[in-house]
């Protein structure tokens, strides 16, 4: 179900992509709707409920309509809000209220949301957040402020709390401080960090927050570069781990390899240090990194692959010897896929050196 929902989100849903509460809040809400429906229609445990396919029970008509344009889904949702099952009534009212907020109609949204958090408790934080925004549309800022504060007090770790911190912090900066302290991974907190970085562009803590949680940013690499170029001596191994992962995810492999070499000493980090440098066309540095990795972690799961990569950077008999080492290690570690890969690489190498030896190696493969 999760995959089908994500696909539909990517296709066309204007509600998810453009409503004022932010995509992450509404996406979380709709997943909760799906989860609530599956749990209501069966006694499946939670981890099963999220992945039960729609055909396993009566599918949610509201969830299906949630991915249609607002003007298309409105007639059916209004009908379900009056005459549907109890769950459908609550779901329909929630989606209709979200549509109204997106369209700037606070009064209509408040009507759909009236008492909904009590009858549909699974979405209570999101419902309160929608109501707060509806109050803002009606210029009822005091009522909105009280609701945002209620969200933070009652649901401090939810996506809705992130929206509350962000909204309140526009006039009371301490709430933005609390967002950074309590919900650093929330998209709104990243937005807060970006806003503050415009005033203090070399704030190390804010740059680290963006490095850890700002993967979605188009100019994400510029923040990583600023962080490493300005604060390299002050960064901890854990900081370098986050930076390395960020560079790696953005396919900036040379920078990732250099960062992984300063991250905590693990076999995975050591392997990625070598691999990043190799992909970044730093041959000499990559060879040295792989050699350090093999010496430090001679029996690690990544070591056979590191030996194969090292062979890629070697010539002639040296490469063959390295591949033989990889084959032996993979067999000892009971990693048949790595052993087969190394054996095939050895056959390819021998084909260039000695065709007779290649035939013997191919016989091993068979």
Protein backbone atom coordinates (compact mmCIF):
# COMPACT_ATOMS: atom_id res chain seq x y z
CA UNK A 1 0.00 0.00 0.00
CA UNK A 2 2.81 2.42 0.86
CA UNK A 3 4.33 2.06 -2.60
CA UNK A 4 1.01 2.69 -4.34
CA UNK A 5 0.38 5.75 -2.18
CA UNK A 6 3.82 7.18 -2.90
CA UNK A 7 3.33 6.59 -6.63
CA UNK A 8 0.03 8.41 -6.54
CA UNK A 9 1.55 11.30 -4.59
CA UNK A 10 4.24 11.69 -7.22
CA UNK A 11 1.68 11.63 -10.03
CA UNK A 12 -0.71 14.40 -9.30
CA UNK A 13 -2.09 15.14 -5.86
CA UNK A 14 -2.43 18.92 -5.49
CA UNK A 15 -3.49 18.50 -1.87
CA UNK A 16 -0.23 16.88 -0.84
CA UNK A 17 2.02 19.11 -2.88
CA UNK A 18 0.57 22.53 -2.24
CA UNK A 19 -1.55 22.85 0.89
CA UNK A 20 -0.29 25.28 3.47
CA UNK A 21 0.45 22.80 6.25
CA UNK A 22 3.24 21.28 4.17
CA UNK A 23 3.53 18.01 2.32
CA UNK A 24 5.10 16.07 5.15
CA UNK A 25 2.18 16.76 7.50
CA UNK A 26 -0.52 15.70 5.08
CA UNK A 27 1.41 12.71 3.72
CA UNK A 28 1.77 11.49 7.30
CA UNK A 29 -1.91 12.07 7.85
CA UNK A 30 -2.97 10.05 4.82
CA UNK A 31 -0.68 7.17 5.80
CA UNK A 32 -2.36 7.31 9.18
CA UNK A 33 -5.77 7.20 7.46
CA UNK A 34 -4.67 4.11 5.55
CA UNK A 35 -3.28 2.54 8.69
CA UNK A 36 -6.43 3.38 10.67
CA UNK A 37 -8.65 1.88 7.99
CA UNK A 38 -6.70 -1.37 7.82
CA UNK A 39 -6.61 -1.68 11.59
CA UNK A 40 -10.34 -0.96 11.78
CA UNK A 41 -11.21 -3.56 9.13
CA UNK A 42 -9.08 -6.36 10.56
CA UNK A 43 -7.29 -7.37 13.72
CA UNK A 44 -3.90 -7.38 12.01
CA UNK A 45 -0.95 -6.17 14.11
CA UNK A 46 0.41 -2.69 13.42
CA UNK A 47 3.41 -3.74 11.35
CA UNK A 48 1.10 -5.82 9.13
CA UNK A 49 -1.61 -3.19 8.90
CA UNK A 50 0.59 -0.72 7.04
CA UNK A 51 1.46 -3.23 4.34
CA UNK A 52 -1.87 -5.02 3.87
CA UNK A 53 -2.85 -4.60 0.19
CA UNK A 54 -6.18 -2.83 -0.46
CA UNK A 55 -7.69 -6.03 -1.89
CA UNK A 56 -7.31 -7.76 1.48
CA UNK A 57 -10.43 -5.95 2.77
CA UNK A 58 -12.99 -3.42 1.58
CA UNK A 59 -10.87 -0.57 0.15
CA UNK A 60 -11.19 2.94 1.51
CA UNK A 61 -13.23 5.09 -0.86
CA UNK A 62 -11.90 8.21 0.82
CA UNK A 63 -8.28 7.24 0.45
CA UNK A 64 -8.84 6.53 -3.23
CA UNK A 65 -10.39 9.99 -3.70
CA UNK A 66 -7.56 11.69 -1.81
CA UNK A 67 -5.39 11.53 -4.91
CA UNK A 68 -7.95 13.20 -7.18
CA UNK A 69 -8.11 16.98 -7.75
CA UNK A 70 -10.23 18.73 -5.12
CA UNK A 71 -12.96 19.72 -7.57
CA UNK A 72 -13.31 16.10 -8.72
CA UNK A 73 -13.42 14.47 -5.32
CA UNK A 74 -15.62 17.02 -3.56
CA UNK A 75 -19.10 15.66 -4.52
CA UNK A 76 -18.33 12.10 -3.41
CA UNK A 77 -16.57 13.23 -0.24
CA UNK A 78 -19.48 15.45 0.73
CA UNK A 79 -21.81 12.50 0.22
CA UNK A 80 -19.59 10.21 2.29
CA UNK A 81 -19.29 12.86 5.01
CA UNK A 82 -23.10 12.65 5.40
CA UNK A 83 -23.95 9.06 4.55
CA UNK A 84 -20.75 6.98 4.61
CA UNK A 85 -19.60 4.64 7.32
CA UNK A 86 -18.42 6.19 10.55
CA UNK A 87 -14.77 6.02 9.47
CA UNK A 88 -15.57 7.34 6.00
CA UNK A 89 -17.45 10.29 7.48
CA UNK A 90 -14.45 11.32 9.58
CA UNK A 91 -11.95 10.76 6.78
CA UNK A 92 -14.06 12.74 4.32
CA UNK A 93 -14.40 15.66 6.68
CA UNK A 94 -10.65 15.73 7.21
CA UNK A 95 -9.86 15.80 3.48
CA UNK A 96 -12.58 18.38 2.78
CA UNK A 97 -11.18 20.59 5.55
CA UNK A 98 -7.68 20.25 4.11
CA UNK A 99 -9.02 21.28 0.71
CA UNK A 100 -10.74 24.30 2.22
CA UNK A 101 -7.56 25.40 3.98
CA UNK A 102 -5.59 25.05 0.76
CA UNK A 103 -8.20 27.17 -1.02
CA UNK A 104 -8.07 29.85 1.68
CA UNK A 105 -11.56 29.16 3.05
CA UNK A 106 -11.03 29.09 6.80
CA UNK A 107 -14.72 29.29 7.69
CA UNK A 108 -15.60 26.18 5.69
CA UNK A 109 -12.61 24.29 7.08
CA UNK A 110 -13.67 25.05 10.65
CA UNK A 111 -17.11 23.62 9.91
CA UNK A 112 -15.69 20.32 8.68
CA UNK A 113 -13.25 20.13 11.60
CA UNK A 114 -15.76 20.83 14.37
CA UNK A 115 -15.24 18.16 17.04
CA UNK A 116 -13.38 15.92 14.60
CA UNK A 117 -10.31 15.36 16.80
CA UNK A 118 -12.55 13.63 19.37
CA UNK A 119 -14.31 11.35 16.88
CA UNK A 120 -11.19 10.66 14.83
CA UNK A 121 -8.46 10.61 17.46
CA UNK A 122 -5.92 8.89 15.21
CA UNK A 123 -5.48 12.23 13.40
CA UNK A 124 -5.96 14.51 16.40
CA UNK A 125 -2.67 16.43 16.03
CA UNK A 126 -3.19 16.98 12.30
CA UNK A 127 -6.79 18.05 12.86
CA UNK A 128 -5.76 20.59 15.49
CA UNK A 129 -3.06 21.88 13.15
CA UNK A 130 -5.58 22.31 10.32
CA UNK A 131 -7.92 24.14 12.65
CA UNK A 132 -5.11 26.46 13.75
CA UNK A 133 -4.38 27.35 10.16
CA UNK A 134 -8.07 27.85 9.47
CA UNK A 135 -8.16 30.33 12.37
CA UNK A 136 -5.22 32.16 10.80
CA UNK A 137 -7.14 32.41 7.54
CA UNK A 138 -10.00 33.97 9.51
CA UNK A 139 -7.60 36.44 11.18
CA UNK A 140 -8.21 34.80 14.56
CA UNK A 141 -4.55 34.76 15.54
CA UNK A 142 -5.14 34.38 19.30
CA UNK A 143 -7.24 31.26 18.78
CA UNK A 144 -4.61 29.89 16.39
CA UNK A 145 -1.82 30.53 18.90
CA UNK A 146 -3.66 28.64 21.62
CA UNK A 147 -4.20 25.69 19.31
CA UNK A 148 -0.56 25.58 18.20
CA UNK A 149 0.48 25.60 21.85
CA UNK A 150 -1.98 22.79 22.54
CA UNK A 151 -0.44 20.73 19.73
CA UNK A 152 3.04 21.16 21.20
CA UNK A 153 1.85 20.28 24.70
CA UNK A 154 -0.21 17.24 23.79
CA UNK A 155 1.67 15.93 20.73
CA UNK A 156 5.27 17.15 21.09
CA UNK A 157 6.93 14.58 18.80
CA UNK A 158 4.51 14.68 15.87
CA UNK A 159 4.82 16.32 12.45
CA UNK A 160 2.06 18.69 13.54
CA UNK A 161 4.26 19.91 16.41
CA UNK A 162 6.89 20.89 13.87
CA UNK A 163 4.31 23.04 12.10
CA UNK A 164 3.31 24.53 15.45
CA UNK A 165 6.88 25.45 16.36
CA UNK A 166 7.38 27.01 12.96
CA UNK A 167 4.19 29.09 13.07
CA UNK A 168 4.66 30.30 16.64
CA UNK A 169 8.34 31.03 16.09
CA UNK A 170 7.56 33.66 13.47
CA UNK A 171 6.67 36.01 16.33
CA UNK A 172 8.29 34.25 19.32
CA UNK A 173 11.84 33.14 18.36
CA UNK A 174 12.15 30.79 21.32
CA UNK A 175 9.78 28.39 19.58
CA UNK A 176 12.22 28.07 16.70
CA UNK A 177 14.91 27.25 19.26
CA UNK A 178 12.65 24.52 20.62
CA UNK A 179 12.06 23.15 17.13
CA UNK A 180 15.80 22.82 16.59
CA UNK A 181 16.23 21.14 19.97
CA UNK A 182 13.21 18.82 19.85
CA UNK A 183 12.48 18.11 16.16
CA UNK A 184 15.70 18.67 14.21
CA UNK A 185 14.69 16.31 11.38
CA UNK A 186 11.38 18.05 10.62
CA UNK A 187 11.32 19.84 7.23
CA UNK A 188 10.12 22.99 8.94
CA UNK A 189 13.16 22.88 11.24
CA UNK A 190 15.43 22.68 8.22
CA UNK A 191 13.56 25.71 6.87
CA UNK A 192 14.20 27.48 10.16
CA UNK A 193 17.90 26.69 9.90
CA UNK A 194 18.04 28.05 6.36
CA UNK A 195 16.30 31.26 7.43
CA UNK A 196 18.75 31.80 10.26
CA UNK A 197 21.75 30.95 8.07
CA UNK A 198 20.86 33.94 5.89
CA UNK A 199 21.66 36.09 8.93
CA UNK A 200 24.54 34.01 10.31
CA UNK A 201 25.90 32.04 7.33
CA UNK A 202 28.73 30.45 9.32
CA UNK A 203 26.75 29.04 12.21
CA UNK A 204 28.26 25.58 12.68
CA UNK A 205 25.28 24.05 14.52
CA UNK A 206 22.83 25.18 11.85
CA UNK A 207 25.08 23.95 9.04
CA UNK A 208 25.33 20.58 10.76
CA UNK A 209 21.55 20.38 11.03
CA UNK A 210 21.22 21.03 7.30
CA UNK A 211 23.95 18.48 6.60
CA UNK A 212 22.04 15.83 8.54
CA UNK A 213 18.50 16.55 7.38
CA UNK A 214 18.56 18.78 4.30
CA UNK A 215 19.03 16.14 1.59
CA UNK A 216 16.01 17.46 -0.33
CA UNK A 217 17.56 20.89 -0.90
CA UNK A 218 18.66 21.73 -4.43
CA UNK A 219 21.75 23.54 -3.13
CA UNK A 220 22.45 20.99 -0.39
CA UNK A 221 26.08 20.55 -1.45
CA UNK A 222 26.82 24.23 -0.93
CA UNK A 223 26.03 23.85 2.77
CA UNK A 224 28.25 20.78 3.06
CA UNK A 225 31.05 22.66 1.34
CA UNK A 226 30.64 25.67 3.61
CA UNK A 227 30.67 23.44 6.68
CA UNK A 228 33.79 21.50 5.73
CA UNK A 229 35.71 24.49 4.42
CA UNK A 230 34.98 26.65 7.47
CA UNK A 231 34.93 24.21 10.38
CA UNK A 232 36.99 21.14 9.40
CA UNK A 233 39.29 21.24 12.48
CA UNK A 234 36.31 21.48 14.82
CA UNK A 235 34.20 18.67 13.36
CA UNK A 236 33.88 15.39 15.25
CA UNK A 237 34.05 11.95 13.63
CA UNK A 238 30.26 11.76 14.00
CA UNK A 239 29.96 15.09 12.16
CA UNK A 240 32.11 13.73 9.35
CA UNK A 241 29.89 10.64 9.21
CA UNK A 242 26.83 12.80 8.50
CA UNK A 243 28.74 14.91 5.98
CA UNK A 244 30.11 11.85 4.20
CA UNK A 245 26.66 10.32 3.92
CA UNK A 246 25.31 13.56 2.50
CA UNK A 247 27.99 13.79 -0.15
CA UNK A 248 27.53 10.10 -0.98
CA UNK A 249 23.78 10.46 -1.43
CA UNK A 250 24.36 13.39 -3.77
CA UNK A 251 26.93 11.32 -5.71
CA UNK A 252 29.78 13.65 -4.86
CA UNK A 253 32.08 10.71 -4.34
CA UNK A 254 35.47 12.36 -4.00
CA UNK A 255 34.20 14.59 -1.22
CA UNK A 256 32.39 11.62 0.33
CA UNK A 257 35.55 9.51 0.31
CA UNK A 258 37.55 12.24 2.02
CA UNK A 259 34.82 12.69 4.63
CA UNK A 260 34.48 8.96 5.29
CA UNK A 261 38.21 8.81 5.97
CA UNK A 262 37.58 11.12 8.94
CA UNK A 263 34.42 9.40 10.15
CA UNK A 264 34.36 6.79 12.96
CA UNK A 265 36.59 3.82 12.21
CA UNK A 266 34.28 1.11 10.91
CA UNK A 267 34.71 -1.35 8.06
CA UNK A 268 31.87 0.24 6.11
CA UNK A 269 33.26 3.75 6.49
CA UNK A 270 36.73 2.57 5.55
CA UNK A 271 35.40 0.84 2.44
CA UNK A 272 33.43 3.89 1.38
CA UNK A 273 36.49 6.08 1.89
CA UNK A 274 38.31 4.02 -0.71
CA UNK A 275 35.33 3.65 -3.02
CA UNK A 276 34.51 7.34 -2.94
CA UNK A 277 38.06 8.27 -3.84
CA UNK A 278 38.08 5.68 -6.61
CA UNK A 279 34.85 6.99 -8.11
CA UNK A 280 36.24 10.50 -7.73
CA UNK A 281 39.22 9.60 -9.92
CA UNK A 282 41.71 9.80 -7.07
CA UNK A 283 43.54 6.58 -7.91
CA UNK A 284 46.58 6.90 -5.65
CA UNK A 285 44.53 8.01 -2.65
CA UNK A 286 41.97 5.24 -3.30
CA UNK A 287 44.67 2.56 -3.35
CA UNK A 288 46.04 3.81 -0.05
CA UNK A 289 42.54 3.92 1.46
CA UNK A 290 41.75 0.34 0.38
CA UNK A 291 45.08 -0.88 1.74
CA UNK A 292 44.37 0.76 5.09
CA UNK A 293 40.89 -0.78 5.12
CA UNK A 294 42.20 -4.31 4.42
CA UNK A 295 44.87 -3.95 7.10
CA UNK A 296 42.46 -2.58 9.72
CA UNK A 297 39.55 -4.94 8.96
CA UNK A 298 41.02 -8.15 7.48
CA UNK A 299 37.90 -10.24 8.14
CA UNK A 300 35.11 -7.71 7.63
CA UNK A 301 32.19 -8.41 5.28
CA UNK A 302 33.28 -5.50 3.06
CA UNK A 303 36.89 -6.63 2.78
CA UNK A 304 36.50 -9.06 -0.16
CA UNK A 305 34.89 -6.26 -2.15
CA UNK A 306 37.64 -3.86 -1.10
CA UNK A 307 40.21 -6.34 -2.40
CA UNK A 308 38.36 -6.57 -5.71
CA UNK A 309 38.30 -2.79 -6.00
CA UNK A 310 41.99 -2.73 -5.16
CA UNK A 311 42.63 -5.23 -7.94
CA UNK A 312 40.76 -2.93 -10.33
CA UNK A 313 43.39 -0.32 -9.58
CA UNK A 314 46.32 -2.74 -9.96
CA UNK A 315 48.08 -4.25 -12.95
CA UNK A 316 49.17 -7.70 -14.12
CA UNK A 317 50.10 -10.37 -11.63
CA UNK A 318 49.59 -8.00 -8.71
CA UNK A 319 45.90 -7.72 -9.58
CA UNK A 320 45.57 -11.51 -9.94
CA UNK A 321 47.21 -12.08 -6.55
CA UNK A 322 44.84 -9.58 -4.94
CA UNK A 323 41.85 -11.34 -6.50
CA UNK A 324 43.08 -14.70 -5.22
CA UNK A 325 43.20 -13.14 -1.76
CA UNK A 326 39.64 -11.90 -2.25
CA UNK A 327 38.46 -15.36 -3.35
CA UNK A 328 40.01 -17.07 -0.34
CA UNK A 329 38.59 -14.52 2.09
CA UNK A 330 35.10 -14.62 0.58
CA UNK A 331 35.07 -18.41 0.84
CA UNK A 332 36.27 -18.24 4.44
CA UNK A 333 33.58 -15.70 5.29
CA UNK A 334 30.98 -17.80 3.44
CA UNK A 335 30.15 -15.05 0.96
CA UNK A 336 29.56 -17.04 -2.24
CA UNK A 337 28.48 -14.07 -4.35
CA UNK A 338 31.70 -12.21 -3.58
CA UNK A 339 33.72 -15.36 -4.24
CA UNK A 340 32.07 -15.84 -7.63
CA UNK A 341 32.55 -12.18 -8.52
CA UNK A 342 36.25 -12.31 -7.63
CA UNK A 343 36.73 -15.56 -9.55
CA UNK A 344 35.12 -14.06 -12.67
CA UNK A 345 37.35 -11.01 -12.37
CA UNK A 346 40.37 -13.27 -12.06
CA UNK A 347 39.39 -15.12 -15.25
CA UNK A 348 39.07 -11.82 -17.08
CA UNK A 349 42.49 -10.70 -15.88
CA UNK A 350 44.13 -13.99 -16.84
CA UNK A 351 42.65 -13.73 -20.33
CA UNK A 352 44.87 -10.73 -20.88
CA UNK A 353 47.94 -12.35 -19.33
CA UNK A 354 47.74 -16.02 -20.27
CA UNK A 355 44.86 -17.67 -22.17
CA UNK A 356 45.77 -21.12 -20.81
CA UNK A 357 45.41 -19.90 -17.24
CA UNK A 358 42.07 -18.35 -18.16
CA UNK A 359 40.77 -21.76 -19.27
CA UNK A 360 41.70 -23.28 -15.91
CA UNK A 361 39.98 -20.47 -14.03
CA UNK A 362 36.84 -20.77 -16.15
CA UNK A 363 36.75 -24.45 -15.26
CA UNK A 364 36.61 -23.41 -11.58
CA UNK A 365 33.65 -21.19 -12.40
CA UNK A 366 31.81 -24.14 -13.95
